[in-house]
Amino acid sequence: MLVQDAPPNDEVATSKRKTSRGINFSPEEDKLLVAAWLNTSVDPVYGNEQNKTTFYGKVTKYFKDHKTNSTRTQTSLTSRWGVINRETVKFCGSLAKIETKNESGTTADDKIVKARELFK
């Protein structure tokens, strides 16, 4: 096959699937996702004895039961939870550094403000 016989680039079949990114999560959706995760994780019947798929299936059901017009998928909720969890761990690490200094005269609010500054 010669170069002249090759099809143009726009005719070459690709195996890549194009994915479209959904709209950003709102703060209300973030709060609902946290509530869904917490309520599912403290379930006295199943608790932490669930596999990942079952757990996030229940989180998704809770989320959709409380936000009826939601188009969020289990995958998007799982991904968003990962972001929320990662950022929460970073903030808690920043706060722990501030609290270990044990500065006299600082209030809890002062420590949170300093942790936010350190977190950025």
PDB file of N, CA and C in Angstrom:
ATOM      1  N   MET A   1       0.852  -1.173   0.000  1.00  0.00           N
ATOM      2  CA  MET A   1       0.000   0.000   0.000  1.00  0.00           C
ATOM      3  C   MET A   1       0.900   1.239   0.000  1.00  0.00           C
ATOM      4  N   LEU A   2       0.653   2.110  -0.888  1.00  0.00           N
ATOM      5  CA  LEU A   2       1.425   3.336  -0.994  1.00  0.00           C
ATOM      6  C   LEU A   2       0.798   4.430  -0.154  1.00  0.00           C
ATOM      7  N   VAL A   3       1.571   5.446   0.161  1.00  0.00           N
ATOM      8  CA  VAL A   3       1.074   6.565   0.951  1.00  0.00           C
ATOM      9  C   VAL A   3      -0.100   7.230   0.250  1.00  0.00           C
ATOM     10  N   GLN A   4      -0.065   7.308  -1.075  1.00  0.00           N
ATOM     11  CA  GLN A   4      -1.156   7.937  -1.813  1.00  0.00           C
ATOM     12  C   GLN A   4      -2.453   7.139  -1.681  1.00  0.00           C
ATOM     13  N   ASP A   5      -2.342   5.817  -1.456  1.00  0.00           N
ATOM     14  CA  ASP A   5      -3.521   4.966  -1.356  1.00  0.00           C
ATOM     15  C   ASP A   5      -4.137   4.971   0.037  1.00  0.00           C
ATOM     16  N   ALA A   6      -3.424   5.503   1.000  1.00  0.00           N
ATOM     17  CA  ALA A   6      -3.919   5.521   2.381  1.00  0.00           C
ATOM     18  C   ALA A   6      -5.093   6.485   2.500  1.00  0.00           C
ATOM     19  N   PRO A   7      -6.112   6.111   3.302  1.00  0.00           N
ATOM     20  CA  PRO A   7      -7.261   7.012   3.470  1.00  0.00           C
ATOM     21  C   PRO A   7      -6.858   8.252   4.262  1.00  0.00           C
ATOM     22  N   PRO A   8      -7.527   9.378   4.026  1.00  0.00           N
ATOM     23  CA  PRO A   8      -7.235  10.574   4.823  1.00  0.00           C
ATOM     24  C   PRO A   8      -7.494  10.309   6.302  1.00  0.00           C
ATOM     25  N   ASN A   9      -6.897  11.132   7.184  1.00  0.00           N
ATOM     26  CA  ASN A   9      -6.997  10.934   8.632  1.00  0.00           C
ATOM     27  C   ASN A   9      -8.423  10.906   9.139  1.00  0.00           C
ATOM     28  N   ASP A  10      -9.318  11.682   8.541  1.00  0.00           N
ATOM     29  CA  ASP A  10     -10.687  11.715   9.051  1.00  0.00           C
ATOM     30  C   ASP A  10     -11.458  10.454   8.714  1.00  0.00           C
ATOM     31  N   GLU A  11     -10.919   9.612   7.844  1.00  0.00           N
ATOM     32  CA  GLU A  11     -11.605   8.373   7.489  1.00  0.00           C
ATOM     33  C   GLU A  11     -11.081   7.175   8.264  1.00  0.00           C
ATOM     34  N   VAL A  12     -10.005   7.356   8.999  1.00  0.00           N
ATOM     35  CA  VAL A  12      -9.422   6.259   9.764  1.00  0.00           C
ATOM     36  C   VAL A  12     -10.301   5.990  10.977  1.00  0.00           C
ATOM     37  N   ALA A  13     -10.685   4.726  11.142  1.00  0.00           N
ATOM     38  CA  ALA A  13     -11.525   4.357  12.285  1.00  0.00           C
ATOM     39  C   ALA A  13     -10.684   4.356  13.553  1.00  0.00           C
ATOM     40  N   THR A  14     -11.227   4.929  14.599  1.00  0.00           N
ATOM     41  CA  THR A  14     -10.521   4.924  15.872  1.00  0.00           C
ATOM     42  C   THR A  14     -11.313   4.104  16.872  1.00  0.00           C
ATOM     43  N   SER A  15     -10.587   3.517  17.796  1.00  0.00           N
ATOM     44  CA  SER A  15     -11.250   2.708  18.808  1.00  0.00           C
ATOM     45  C   SER A  15     -11.531   3.506  20.073  1.00  0.00           C
ATOM     46  N   LYS A  16     -11.080   4.763  20.100  1.00  0.00           N
ATOM     47  CA  LYS A  16     -11.309   5.581  21.284  1.00  0.00           C
ATOM     48  C   LYS A  16     -12.755   6.030  21.340  1.00  0.00           C
ATOM     49  N   ARG A  17     -13.326   5.899  22.505  1.00  0.00           N
ATOM     50  CA  ARG A  17     -14.701   6.333  22.715  1.00  0.00           C
ATOM     51  C   ARG A  17     -14.662   7.752  23.258  1.00  0.00           C
ATOM     52  N   LYS A  18     -15.409   8.625  22.645  1.00  0.00           N
ATOM     53  CA  LYS A  18     -15.458   9.999  23.128  1.00  0.00           C
ATOM     54  C   LYS A  18     -16.435  10.074  24.287  1.00  0.00           C
ATOM     55  N   THR A  19     -15.973  10.651  25.370  1.00  0.00           N
ATOM     56  CA  THR A  19     -16.841  10.820  26.532  1.00  0.00           C
ATOM     57  C   THR A  19     -17.076  12.296  26.750  1.00  0.00           C
ATOM     58  N   SER A  20     -18.253  12.603  27.136  1.00  0.00           N
ATOM     59  CA  SER A  20     -18.538  14.001  27.431  1.00  0.00           C
ATOM     60  C   SER A  20     -18.581  14.172  28.936  1.00  0.00           C
ATOM     61  N   ARG A  21     -18.062  15.262  29.378  1.00  0.00           N
ATOM     62  CA  ARG A  21     -18.008  15.550  30.797  1.00  0.00           C
ATOM     63  C   ARG A  21     -19.327  16.187  31.201  1.00  0.00           C
ATOM     64  N   GLY A  22     -19.876  15.734  32.298  1.00  0.00           N
ATOM     65  CA  GLY A  22     -21.132  16.281  32.797  1.00  0.00           C
ATOM     66  C   GLY A  22     -20.928  17.620  33.478  1.00  0.00           C
ATOM     67  N   ILE A  23     -22.016  18.185  33.948  1.00  0.00           N
ATOM     68  CA  ILE A  23     -21.930  19.459  34.650  1.00  0.00           C
ATOM     69  C   ILE A  23     -21.317  19.250  36.030  1.00  0.00           C
ATOM     70  N   ASN A  24     -20.738  20.299  36.568  1.00  0.00           N
ATOM     71  CA  ASN A  24     -20.109  20.219  37.883  1.00  0.00           C
ATOM     72  C   ASN A  24     -21.141  19.929  38.964  1.00  0.00           C
ATOM     73  N   PHE A  25     -20.678  19.319  40.033  1.00  0.00           N
ATOM     74  CA  PHE A  25     -21.528  19.073  41.182  1.00  0.00           C
ATOM     75  C   PHE A  25     -21.759  20.388  41.916  1.00  0.00           C
ATOM     76  N   SER A  26     -22.971  20.592  42.360  1.00  0.00           N
ATOM     77  CA  SER A  26     -23.282  21.784  43.151  1.00  0.00           C
ATOM     78  C   SER A  26     -22.951  21.489  44.617  1.00  0.00           C
ATOM     79  N   PRO A  27     -22.812  22.535  45.435  1.00  0.00           N
ATOM     80  CA  PRO A  27     -22.579  22.295  46.867  1.00  0.00           C
ATOM     81  C   PRO A  27     -23.696  21.468  47.508  1.00  0.00           C
ATOM     82  N   GLU A  28     -24.927  21.662  47.056  1.00  0.00           N
ATOM     83  CA  GLU A  28     -26.048  20.884  47.602  1.00  0.00           C
ATOM     84  C   GLU A  28     -25.896  19.410  47.247  1.00  0.00           C
ATOM     85  N   GLU A  29     -25.447  19.126  46.018  1.00  0.00           N
ATOM     86  CA  GLU A  29     -25.233  17.736  45.618  1.00  0.00           C
ATOM     87  C   GLU A  29     -24.078  17.120  46.413  1.00  0.00           C
ATOM     88  N   ASP A  30     -23.041  17.908  46.657  1.00  0.00           N
ATOM     89  CA  ASP A  30     -21.926  17.413  47.478  1.00  0.00           C
ATOM     90  C   ASP A  30     -22.414  17.039  48.876  1.00  0.00           C
ATOM     91  N   LYS A  31     -23.229  17.904  49.475  1.00  0.00           N
ATOM     92  CA  LYS A  31     -23.762  17.621  50.815  1.00  0.00           C
ATOM     93  C   LYS A  31     -24.640  16.374  50.804  1.00  0.00           C
ATOM     94  N   LEU A  32     -25.450  16.237  49.761  1.00  0.00           N
ATOM     95  CA  LEU A  32     -26.313  15.062  49.654  1.00  0.00           C
ATOM     96  C   LEU A  32     -25.474  13.803  49.470  1.00  0.00           C
ATOM     97  N   LEU A  33     -24.407  13.885  48.695  1.00  0.00           N
ATOM     98  CA  LEU A  33     -23.528  12.725  48.498  1.00  0.00           C
ATOM     99  C   LEU A  33     -22.856  12.322  49.809  1.00  0.00           C
ATOM    100  N   VAL A  34     -22.407  13.299  50.577  1.00  0.00           N
ATOM    101  CA  VAL A  34     -21.801  13.004  51.885  1.00  0.00           C
ATOM    102  C   VAL A  34     -22.832  12.345  52.800  1.00  0.00           C
ATOM    103  N   ALA A  35     -24.057  12.878  52.803  1.00  0.00           N
ATOM    104  CA  ALA A  35     -25.121  12.288  53.629  1.00  0.00           C
ATOM    105  C   ALA A  35     -25.421  10.860  53.172  1.00  0.00           C
ATOM    106  N   ALA A  36     -25.459  10.636  51.871  1.00  0.00           N
ATOM    107  CA  ALA A  36     -25.716   9.294  51.339  1.00  0.00           C
ATOM    108  C   ALA A  36     -24.614   8.335  51.768  1.00  0.00           C
ATOM    109  N   TRP A  37     -23.362   8.781  51.670  1.00  0.00           N
ATOM    110  CA  TRP A  37     -22.239   7.939  52.051  1.00  0.00           C
ATOM    111  C   TRP A  37     -22.283   7.615  53.545  1.00  0.00           C
ATOM    112  N   LEU A  38     -22.532   8.638  54.361  1.00  0.00           N
ATOM    113  CA  LEU A  38     -22.572   8.425  55.811  1.00  0.00           C
ATOM    114  C   LEU A  38     -23.711   7.488  56.206  1.00  0.00           C
ATOM    115  N   ASN A  39     -24.906   7.729  55.669  1.00  0.00           N
ATOM    116  CA  ASN A  39     -26.050   6.890  56.021  1.00  0.00           C
ATOM    117  C   ASN A  39     -25.860   5.448  55.570  1.00  0.00           C
ATOM    118  N   THR A  40     -25.199   5.254  54.446  1.00  0.00           N
ATOM    119  CA  THR A  40     -24.954   3.895  53.965  1.00  0.00           C
ATOM    120  C   THR A  40     -23.866   3.212  54.790  1.00  0.00           C
ATOM    121  N   SER A  41     -22.848   3.963  55.179  1.00  0.00           N
ATOM    122  CA  SER A  41     -21.736   3.346  55.899  1.00  0.00           C
ATOM    123  C   SER A  41     -22.069   3.008  57.344  1.00  0.00           C
ATOM    124  N   VAL A  42     -23.058   3.669  57.937  1.00  0.00           N
ATOM    125  CA  VAL A  42     -23.415   3.374  59.325  1.00  0.00           C
ATOM    126  C   VAL A  42     -24.635   2.452  59.431  1.00  0.00           C
ATOM    127  N   ASP A  43     -25.022   1.842  58.326  1.00  0.00           N
ATOM    128  CA  ASP A  43     -26.142   0.912  58.316  1.00  0.00           C
ATOM    129  C   ASP A  43     -25.822  -0.250  59.267  1.00  0.00           C
ATOM    130  N   PRO A  44     -26.615  -0.414  60.353  1.00  0.00           N
ATOM    131  CA  PRO A  44     -26.285  -1.437  61.351  1.00  0.00           C
ATOM    132  C   PRO A  44     -26.407  -2.868  60.830  1.00  0.00           C
ATOM    133  N   VAL A  45     -27.186  -3.080  59.785  1.00  0.00           N
ATOM    134  CA  VAL A  45     -27.360  -4.432  59.263  1.00  0.00           C
ATOM    135  C   VAL A  45     -26.154  -4.855  58.432  1.00  0.00           C
ATOM    136  N   TYR A  46     -25.697  -3.963  57.529  1.00  0.00           N
ATOM    137  CA  TYR A  46     -24.607  -4.316  56.634  1.00  0.00           C
ATOM    138  C   TYR A  46     -23.291  -3.653  56.999  1.00  0.00           C
ATOM    139  N   GLY A  47     -23.344  -2.417  57.444  1.00  0.00           N
ATOM    140  CA  GLY A  47     -22.138  -1.697  57.851  1.00  0.00           C
ATOM    141  C   GLY A  47     -21.042  -1.747  56.815  1.00  0.00           C
ATOM    142  N   ASN A  48     -19.866  -2.169  57.239  1.00  0.00           N
ATOM    143  CA  ASN A  48     -18.730  -2.215  56.318  1.00  0.00           C
ATOM    144  C   ASN A  48     -18.533  -3.600  55.710  1.00  0.00           C
ATOM    145  N   GLU A  49     -19.499  -4.464  55.837  1.00  0.00           N
ATOM    146  CA  GLU A  49     -19.404  -5.822  55.306  1.00  0.00           C
ATOM    147  C   GLU A  49     -19.983  -5.907  53.891  1.00  0.00           C
ATOM    148  N   GLN A  50     -19.849  -4.844  53.111  1.00  0.00           N
ATOM    149  CA  GLN A  50     -20.380  -4.816  51.755  1.00  0.00           C
ATOM    150  C   GLN A  50     -19.228  -4.674  50.777  1.00  0.00           C
ATOM    151  N   ASN A  51     -19.402  -5.260  49.569  1.00  0.00           N
ATOM    152  CA  ASN A  51     -18.372  -5.003  48.565  1.00  0.00           C
ATOM    153  C   ASN A  51     -18.618  -3.628  47.956  1.00  0.00           C
ATOM    154  N   LYS A  52     -17.637  -3.144  47.218  1.00  0.00           N
ATOM    155  CA  LYS A  52     -17.666  -1.779  46.693  1.00  0.00           C
ATOM    156  C   LYS A  52     -18.895  -1.528  45.812  1.00  0.00           C
ATOM    157  N   THR A  53     -19.207  -2.448  44.932  1.00  0.00           N
ATOM    158  CA  THR A  53     -20.324  -2.267  44.010  1.00  0.00           C
ATOM    159  C   THR A  53     -21.644  -2.164  44.756  1.00  0.00           C
ATOM    160  N   THR A  54     -21.852  -3.013  45.730  1.00  0.00           N
ATOM    161  CA  THR A  54     -23.083  -2.983  46.525  1.00  0.00           C
ATOM    162  C   THR A  54     -23.166  -1.687  47.320  1.00  0.00           C
ATOM    163  N   PHE A  55     -22.066  -1.309  47.943  1.00  0.00           N
ATOM    164  CA  PHE A  55     -22.033  -0.100  48.759  1.00  0.00           C
ATOM    165  C   PHE A  55     -22.387   1.126  47.928  1.00  0.00           C
ATOM    166  N   TYR A  56     -21.685   1.315  46.810  1.00  0.00           N
ATOM    167  CA  TYR A  56     -21.947   2.501  45.990  1.00  0.00           C
ATOM    168  C   TYR A  56     -23.291   2.421  45.275  1.00  0.00           C
ATOM    169  N   GLY A  57     -23.806   1.222  45.078  1.00  0.00           N
ATOM    170  CA  GLY A  57     -25.162   1.085  44.558  1.00  0.00           C
ATOM    171  C   GLY A  57     -26.172   1.648  45.545  1.00  0.00           C
ATOM    172  N   LYS A  58     -25.955   1.366  46.830  1.00  0.00           N
ATOM    173  CA  LYS A  58     -26.842   1.899  47.869  1.00  0.00           C
ATOM    174  C   LYS A  58     -26.676   3.409  48.023  1.00  0.00           C
ATOM    175  N   VAL A  59     -25.444   3.895  47.890  1.00  0.00           N
ATOM    176  CA  VAL A  59     -25.201   5.340  47.940  1.00  0.00           C
ATOM    177  C   VAL A  59     -25.948   6.014  46.786  1.00  0.00           C
ATOM    178  N   THR A  60     -25.855   5.436  45.599  1.00  0.00           N
ATOM    179  CA  THR A  60     -26.538   5.989  44.421  1.00  0.00           C
ATOM    180  C   THR A  60     -28.045   5.979  44.622  1.00  0.00           C
ATOM    181  N   LYS A  61     -28.585   4.897  45.162  1.00  0.00           N
ATOM    182  CA  LYS A  61     -30.029   4.822  45.407  1.00  0.00           C
ATOM    183  C   LYS A  61     -30.462   5.902  46.387  1.00  0.00           C
ATOM    184  N   TYR A  62     -29.726   6.071  47.483  1.00  0.00           N
ATOM    185  CA  TYR A  62     -30.040   7.111  48.461  1.00  0.00           C
ATOM    186  C   TYR A  62     -30.006   8.484  47.794  1.00  0.00           C
ATOM    187  N   PHE A  63     -28.962   8.730  47.004  1.00  0.00           N
ATOM    188  CA  PHE A  63     -28.797  10.006  46.332  1.00  0.00           C
ATOM    189  C   PHE A  63     -29.992  10.284  45.415  1.00  0.00           C
ATOM    190  N   LYS A  64     -30.360   9.293  44.614  1.00  0.00           N
ATOM    191  CA  LYS A  64     -31.464   9.493  43.658  1.00  0.00           C
ATOM    192  C   LYS A  64     -32.821   9.555  44.355  1.00  0.00           C
ATOM    193  N   ASP A  65     -32.970   8.879  45.495  1.00  0.00           N
ATOM    194  CA  ASP A  65     -34.221   8.960  46.254  1.00  0.00           C
ATOM    195  C   ASP A  65     -34.429  10.364  46.822  1.00  0.00           C
ATOM    196  N   HIS A  66     -33.343  11.049  47.142  1.00  0.00           N
ATOM    197  CA  HIS A  66     -33.432  12.377  47.746  1.00  0.00           C
ATOM    198  C   HIS A  66     -33.231  13.509  46.749  1.00  0.00           C
ATOM    199  N   LYS A  67     -32.868  13.187  45.533  1.00  0.00           N
ATOM    200  CA  LYS A  67     -32.760  14.175  44.449  1.00  0.00           C
ATOM    201  C   LYS A  67     -33.341  13.506  43.210  1.00  0.00           C
ATOM    202  N   THR A  68     -34.637  13.629  43.076  1.00  0.00           N
ATOM    203  CA  THR A  68     -35.368  12.851  42.080  1.00  0.00           C
ATOM    204  C   THR A  68     -35.015  13.185  40.632  1.00  0.00           C
ATOM    205  N   ASN A  69     -34.637  14.401  40.331  1.00  0.00           N
ATOM    206  CA  ASN A  69     -34.350  14.760  38.939  1.00  0.00           C
ATOM    207  C   ASN A  69     -32.868  14.634  38.596  1.00  0.00           C
ATOM    208  N   SER A  70     -32.136  13.861  39.360  1.00  0.00           N
ATOM    209  CA  SER A  70     -30.694  13.725  39.154  1.00  0.00           C
ATOM    210  C   SER A  70     -30.400  12.779  37.994  1.00  0.00           C
ATOM    211  N   THR A  71     -29.401  13.153  37.210  1.00  0.00           N
ATOM    212  CA  THR A  71     -28.932  12.294  36.124  1.00  0.00           C
ATOM    213  C   THR A  71     -27.553  11.723  36.440  1.00  0.00           C
ATOM    214  N   ARG A  72     -27.126  11.832  37.687  1.00  0.00           N
ATOM    215  CA  ARG A  72     -25.808  11.344  38.096  1.00  0.00           C
ATOM    216  C   ARG A  72     -25.775   9.825  38.065  1.00  0.00           C
ATOM    217  N   THR A  73     -24.688   9.289  37.548  1.00  0.00           N
ATOM    218  CA  THR A  73     -24.518   7.837  37.503  1.00  0.00           C
ATOM    219  C   THR A  73     -23.724   7.385  38.724  1.00  0.00           C
ATOM    220  N   GLN A  74     -23.724   6.085  38.937  1.00  0.00           N
ATOM    221  CA  GLN A  74     -22.955   5.532  40.046  1.00  0.00           C
ATOM    222  C   GLN A  74     -21.471   5.850  39.855  1.00  0.00           C
ATOM    223  N   THR A  75     -21.008   5.797  38.633  1.00  0.00           N
ATOM    224  CA  THR A  75     -19.603   6.104  38.354  1.00  0.00           C
ATOM    225  C   THR A  75     -19.276   7.549  38.700  1.00  0.00           C
ATOM    226  N   SER A  76     -20.154   8.483  38.332  1.00  0.00           N
ATOM    227  CA  SER A  76     -19.871   9.894  38.623  1.00  0.00           C
ATOM    228  C   SER A  76     -19.918  10.160  40.126  1.00  0.00           C
ATOM    229  N   LEU A  77     -20.840   9.504  40.830  1.00  0.00           N
ATOM    230  CA  LEU A  77     -20.923   9.680  42.284  1.00  0.00           C
ATOM    231  C   LEU A  77     -19.687   9.089  42.974  1.00  0.00           C
ATOM    232  N   THR A  78     -19.242   7.936  42.513  1.00  0.00           N
ATOM    233  CA  THR A  78     -18.054   7.312  43.077  1.00  0.00           C
ATOM    234  C   THR A  78     -16.827   8.190  42.847  1.00  0.00           C
ATOM    235  N   SER A  79     -16.720   8.731  41.657  1.00  0.00           N
ATOM    236  CA  SER A  79     -15.602   9.607  41.330  1.00  0.00           C
ATOM    237  C   SER A  79     -15.629  10.875  42.173  1.00  0.00           C
ATOM    238  N   ARG A  80     -16.804  11.475  42.297  1.00  0.00           N
ATOM    239  CA  ARG A  80     -16.920  12.697  43.092  1.00  0.00           C
ATOM    240  C   ARG A  80     -16.604  12.415  44.560  1.00  0.00           C
ATOM    241  N   TRP A  81     -17.046  11.264  45.064  1.00  0.00           N
ATOM    242  CA  TRP A  81     -16.739  10.922  46.451  1.00  0.00           C
ATOM    243  C   TRP A  81     -15.231  10.838  46.638  1.00  0.00           C
ATOM    244  N   GLY A  82     -14.517  10.298  45.660  1.00  0.00           N
ATOM    245  CA  GLY A  82     -13.063  10.222  45.745  1.00  0.00           C
ATOM    246  C   GLY A  82     -12.432  11.599  45.880  1.00  0.00           C
ATOM    247  N   VAL A  83     -12.950  12.576  45.139  1.00  0.00           N
ATOM    248  CA  VAL A  83     -12.435  13.948  45.211  1.00  0.00           C
ATOM    249  C   VAL A  83     -12.737  14.546  46.587  1.00  0.00           C
ATOM    250  N   ILE A  84     -13.968  14.385  47.052  1.00  0.00           N
ATOM    251  CA  ILE A  84     -14.355  14.926  48.364  1.00  0.00           C
ATOM    252  C   ILE A  84     -13.490  14.301  49.461  1.00  0.00           C
ATOM    253  N   ASN A  85     -13.318  13.005  49.407  1.00  0.00           N
ATOM    254  CA  ASN A  85     -12.543  12.289  50.419  1.00  0.00           C
ATOM    255  C   ASN A  85     -11.087  12.746  50.401  1.00  0.00           C
ATOM    256  N   ARG A  86     -10.485  12.853  49.228  1.00  0.00           N
ATOM    257  CA  ARG A  86      -9.085  13.265  49.117  1.00  0.00           C
ATOM    258  C   ARG A  86      -8.875  14.668  49.691  1.00  0.00           C
ATOM    259  N   GLU A  87      -9.767  15.603  49.338  1.00  0.00           N
ATOM    260  CA  GLU A  87      -9.636  16.978  49.824  1.00  0.00           C
ATOM    261  C   GLU A  87      -9.880  17.066  51.332  1.00  0.00           C
ATOM    262  N   THR A  88     -10.780  16.244  51.841  1.00  0.00           N
ATOM    263  CA  THR A  88     -11.050  16.225  53.280  1.00  0.00           C
ATOM    264  C   THR A  88      -9.830  15.722  54.048  1.00  0.00           C
ATOM    265  N   VAL A  89      -9.197  14.695  53.533  1.00  0.00           N
ATOM    266  CA  VAL A  89      -7.994  14.154  54.180  1.00  0.00           C
ATOM    267  C   VAL A  89      -6.882  15.204  54.189  1.00  0.00           C
ATOM    268  N   LYS A  90      -6.718  15.932  53.079  1.00  0.00           N
ATOM    269  CA  LYS A  90      -5.703  16.996  53.034  1.00  0.00           C
ATOM    270  C   LYS A  90      -5.988  18.068  54.080  1.00  0.00           C
ATOM    271  N   PHE A  91      -7.255  18.484  54.164  1.00  0.00           N
ATOM    272  CA  PHE A  91      -7.603  19.523  55.132  1.00  0.00           C
ATOM    273  C   PHE A  91      -7.372  19.033  56.560  1.00  0.00           C
ATOM    274  N   CYS A  92      -7.766  17.806  56.841  1.00  0.00           N
ATOM    275  CA  CYS A  92      -7.563  17.261  58.194  1.00  0.00           C
ATOM    276  C   CYS A  92      -6.084  17.180  58.533  1.00  0.00           C
ATOM    277  N   GLY A  93      -5.248  16.869  57.553  1.00  0.00           N
ATOM    278  CA  GLY A  93      -3.813  16.857  57.776  1.00  0.00           C
ATOM    279  C   GLY A  93      -3.292  18.247  58.108  1.00  0.00           C
ATOM    280  N   SER A  94      -3.808  19.251  57.389  1.00  0.00           N
ATOM    281  CA  SER A  94      -3.416  20.639  57.668  1.00  0.00           C
ATOM    282  C   SER A  94      -3.848  21.053  59.070  1.00  0.00           C
ATOM    283  N   LEU A  95      -5.063  20.698  59.438  1.00  0.00           N
ATOM    284  CA  LEU A  95      -5.581  21.033  60.762  1.00  0.00           C
ATOM    285  C   LEU A  95      -4.780  20.322  61.861  1.00  0.00           C
ATOM    286  N   ALA A  96      -4.410  19.086  61.617  1.00  0.00           N
ATOM    287  CA  ALA A  96      -3.625  18.337  62.607  1.00  0.00           C
ATOM    288  C   ALA A  96      -2.269  18.996  62.834  1.00  0.00           C
ATOM    289  N   LYS A  97      -1.644  19.509  61.771  1.00  0.00           N
ATOM    290  CA  LYS A  97      -0.360  20.206  61.925  1.00  0.00           C
ATOM    291  C   LYS A  97      -0.517  21.447  62.805  1.00  0.00           C
ATOM    292  N   ILE A  98      -1.607  22.180  62.590  1.00  0.00           N
ATOM    293  CA  ILE A  98      -1.863  23.389  63.372  1.00  0.00           C
ATOM    294  C   ILE A  98      -2.121  23.023  64.835  1.00  0.00           C
ATOM    295  N   GLU A  99      -2.901  21.975  65.068  1.00  0.00           N
ATOM    296  CA  GLU A  99      -3.248  21.590  66.436  1.00  0.00           C
ATOM    297  C   GLU A  99      -2.048  21.056  67.214  1.00  0.00           C
ATOM    298  N   THR A 100      -1.093  20.432  66.534  1.00  0.00           N
ATOM    299  CA  THR A 100       0.073  19.911  67.250  1.00  0.00           C
ATOM    300  C   THR A 100       0.989  21.023  67.749  1.00  0.00           C
ATOM    301  N   LYS A 101       0.894  22.193  67.150  1.00  0.00           N
ATOM    302  CA  LYS A 101       1.701  23.329  67.630  1.00  0.00           C
ATOM    303  C   LYS A 101       1.227  23.791  69.000  1.00  0.00           C
ATOM    304  N   ASN A 102      -0.057  23.597  69.289  1.00  0.00           N
ATOM    305  CA  ASN A 102      -0.646  23.906  70.592  1.00  0.00           C
ATOM    306  C   ASN A 102      -0.308  25.331  71.049  1.00  0.00           C
ATOM    307  N   GLU A 103      -0.571  26.287  70.170  1.00  0.00           N
ATOM    308  CA  GLU A 103      -0.286  27.686  70.495  1.00  0.00           C
ATOM    309  C   GLU A 103      -1.290  28.190  71.524  1.00  0.00           C
ATOM    310  N   SER A 104      -0.807  28.851  72.532  1.00  0.00           N
ATOM    311  CA  SER A 104      -1.715  29.366  73.554  1.00  0.00           C
ATOM    312  C   SER A 104      -2.464  30.583  73.016  1.00  0.00           C
ATOM    313  N   GLY A 105      -3.683  30.724  73.450  1.00  0.00           N
ATOM    314  CA  GLY A 105      -4.495  31.863  73.052  1.00  0.00           C
ATOM    315  C   GLY A 105      -5.195  31.706  71.719  1.00  0.00           C
ATOM    316  N   THR A 106      -5.047  30.567  71.055  1.00  0.00           N
ATOM    317  CA  THR A 106      -5.738  30.363  69.784  1.00  0.00           C
ATOM    318  C   THR A 106      -7.015  29.581  70.012  1.00  0.00           C
ATOM    319  N   THR A 107      -8.062  30.055  69.363  1.00  0.00           N
ATOM    320  CA  THR A 107      -9.356  29.378  69.451  1.00  0.00           C
ATOM    321  C   THR A 107      -9.454  28.332  68.347  1.00  0.00           C
ATOM    322  N   ALA A 108     -10.482  27.532  68.424  1.00  0.00           N
ATOM    323  CA  ALA A 108     -10.720  26.520  67.390  1.00  0.00           C
ATOM    324  C   ALA A 108     -10.929  27.187  66.030  1.00  0.00           C
ATOM    325  N   ASP A 109     -11.631  28.329  66.038  1.00  0.00           N
ATOM    326  CA  ASP A 109     -11.847  29.057  64.778  1.00  0.00           C
ATOM    327  C   ASP A 109     -10.526  29.550  64.197  1.00  0.00           C
ATOM    328  N   ASP A 110      -9.645  30.045  65.041  1.00  0.00           N
ATOM    329  CA  ASP A 110      -8.324  30.498  64.578  1.00  0.00           C
ATOM    330  C   ASP A 110      -7.553  29.345  63.934  1.00  0.00           C
ATOM    331  N   LYS A 111      -7.650  28.184  64.546  1.00  0.00           N
ATOM    332  CA  LYS A 111      -6.943  27.013  64.018  1.00  0.00           C
ATOM    333  C   LYS A 111      -7.497  26.603  62.654  1.00  0.00           C
ATOM    334  N   ILE A 112      -8.809  26.680  62.500  1.00  0.00           N
ATOM    335  CA  ILE A 112      -9.426  26.326  61.223  1.00  0.00           C
ATOM    336  C   ILE A 112      -9.007  27.312  60.137  1.00  0.00           C
ATOM    337  N   VAL A 113      -8.974  28.587  60.464  1.00  0.00           N
ATOM    338  CA  VAL A 113      -8.533  29.597  59.506  1.00  0.00           C
ATOM    339  C   VAL A 113      -7.092  29.333  59.081  1.00  0.00           C
ATOM    340  N   LYS A 114      -6.223  29.028  60.034  1.00  0.00           N
ATOM    341  CA  LYS A 114      -4.823  28.734  59.716  1.00  0.00           C
ATOM    342  C   LYS A 114      -4.705  27.464  58.870  1.00  0.00           C
ATOM    343  N   ALA A 115      -5.540  26.471  59.178  1.00  0.00           N
ATOM    344  CA  ALA A 115      -5.509  25.223  58.407  1.00  0.00           C
ATOM    345  C   ALA A 115      -5.948  25.462  56.967  1.00  0.00           C
ATOM    346  N   ARG A 116      -6.952  26.320  56.787  1.00  0.00           N
ATOM    347  CA  ARG A 116      -7.374  26.673  55.418  1.00  0.00           C
ATOM    348  C   ARG A 116      -6.250  27.334  54.651  1.00  0.00           C
ATOM    349  N   GLU A 117      -5.516  28.221  55.310  1.00  0.00           N
ATOM    350  CA  GLU A 117      -4.400  28.912  54.655  1.00  0.00           C
ATOM    351  C   GLU A 117      -3.302  27.908  54.285  1.00  0.00           C
ATOM    352  N   LEU A 118      -3.022  26.984  55.186  1.00  0.00           N
ATOM    353  CA  LEU A 118      -2.014  25.967  54.939  1.00  0.00           C
ATOM    354  C   LEU A 118      -2.467  25.000  53.854  1.00  0.00           C
ATOM    355  N   PHE A 119      -3.745  24.742  53.791  1.00  0.00           N
ATOM    356  CA  PHE A 119      -4.346  23.798  52.855  1.00  0.00           C
ATOM    357  C   PHE A 119      -4.231  24.290  51.415  1.00  0.00           C
ATOM    358  N   LYS A 120      -4.312  25.604  51.225  1.00  0.00           N
ATOM    359  CA  LYS A 120      -4.277  26.155  49.857  1.00  0.00           C
ATOM    360  C   LYS A 120      -2.950  25.985  49.280  1.00  0.00           C
TER     361      LYS A 120
END
